Amino acid sequence: MNAKEKVISMLDMLSDEQLEGLCMFIGSVLEIPNEETLAAMAETEDMIKNPQNYKSYNNVDTMFREILNEV
């Protein structure tokens, strides 16, 4: 029995509720990130490659003071 046949055999044993849950899971795994997520991922990669171009903090209190003063 090949992998596809094994999966079909397993699916036949699931209830409708279990199949719905499996569909939701598979859908979330296959979901393509939206533009905002792709941009955030690209920015993160750039931050890792070029840390000198980004502000960093050694103290969380200092970070929050600075962030709150920008608002």
Protein backbone atom coordinates (compact mmCIF):
# COMPACT_ATOMS: atom_id res chain seq x y z
CA MET A 1 0.00 0.00 0.00
CA ASN A 2 1.45 3.38 -0.99
CA ALA A 3 1.29 6.53 1.15
CA LYS A 4 -1.79 7.93 -0.60
CA GLU A 5 -3.69 4.68 -0.08
CA LYS A 6 -2.68 4.65 3.60
CA VAL A 7 -3.97 8.19 4.08
CA ILE A 8 -7.27 7.39 2.36
CA SER A 9 -7.64 4.32 4.57
CA MET A 10 -7.07 6.46 7.68
CA LEU A 11 -9.51 9.12 6.48
CA ASP A 12 -12.20 6.50 6.09
CA MET A 13 -11.93 5.77 9.83
CA LEU A 14 -12.47 9.40 10.94
CA SER A 15 -15.78 10.91 12.01
CA ASP A 16 -17.18 13.99 10.26
CA GLU A 17 -16.07 16.10 13.24
CA GLN A 18 -12.53 14.72 13.06
CA LEU A 19 -12.44 15.30 9.30
CA GLU A 20 -13.53 18.92 9.79
CA GLY A 21 -10.72 19.44 12.31
CA LEU A 22 -8.23 17.85 9.94
CA CYS A 23 -9.40 20.13 7.12
CA MET A 24 -8.91 23.18 9.32
CA PHE A 25 -5.42 22.01 10.32
CA ILE A 26 -4.35 21.29 6.75
CA GLY A 27 -5.75 24.64 5.62
CA SER A 28 -3.70 26.48 8.25
CA VAL A 29 -0.52 24.62 7.26
CA LEU A 30 -1.00 25.40 3.57
CA GLU A 31 -2.00 29.03 4.12
CA ILE A 32 0.08 31.52 2.15
CA PRO A 33 1.22 34.52 4.21
CA ASN A 34 -0.37 37.87 3.31
CA GLU A 35 1.65 40.89 2.14
CA GLU A 36 2.00 42.35 5.64
CA THR A 37 3.37 39.08 7.01
CA LEU A 38 5.77 38.69 4.07
CA ALA A 39 7.03 42.26 4.64
CA ALA A 40 7.57 41.56 8.35
CA MET A 41 9.47 38.37 7.50
CA ALA A 42 11.68 40.26 5.05
CA GLU A 43 12.33 43.00 7.63
CA THR A 44 13.30 40.38 10.21
CA GLU A 45 15.75 38.79 7.79
CA ASP A 46 17.27 42.21 7.11
CA MET A 47 17.53 42.90 10.86
CA ILE A 48 19.45 39.66 11.31
CA LYS A 49 21.78 40.39 8.37
CA ASN A 50 22.29 44.10 9.16
CA PRO A 51 21.86 44.67 12.91
CA GLN A 52 23.87 47.89 12.71
CA ASN A 53 20.95 49.50 10.83
CA TYR A 54 18.48 48.93 13.68
CA LYS A 55 18.15 50.29 17.17
CA SER A 56 18.63 47.81 19.99
CA TYR A 57 18.37 48.00 23.76
CA ASN A 58 20.10 46.40 26.71
CA ASN A 59 17.50 47.64 29.16
CA VAL A 60 13.75 47.20 28.84
CA ASP A 61 12.99 50.28 30.96
CA THR A 62 15.02 52.45 28.62
CA MET A 63 13.29 50.91 25.63
CA PHE A 64 9.80 51.59 27.00
CA ARG A 65 10.70 55.15 28.03
CA GLU A 66 11.90 55.86 24.51
CA ILE A 67 8.91 54.18 22.86
CA LEU A 68 6.41 56.02 25.07
CA ASN A 69 8.08 59.36 24.40
CA GLU A 70 7.64 58.81 20.65
CA VAL A 71 3.85 58.56 20.97
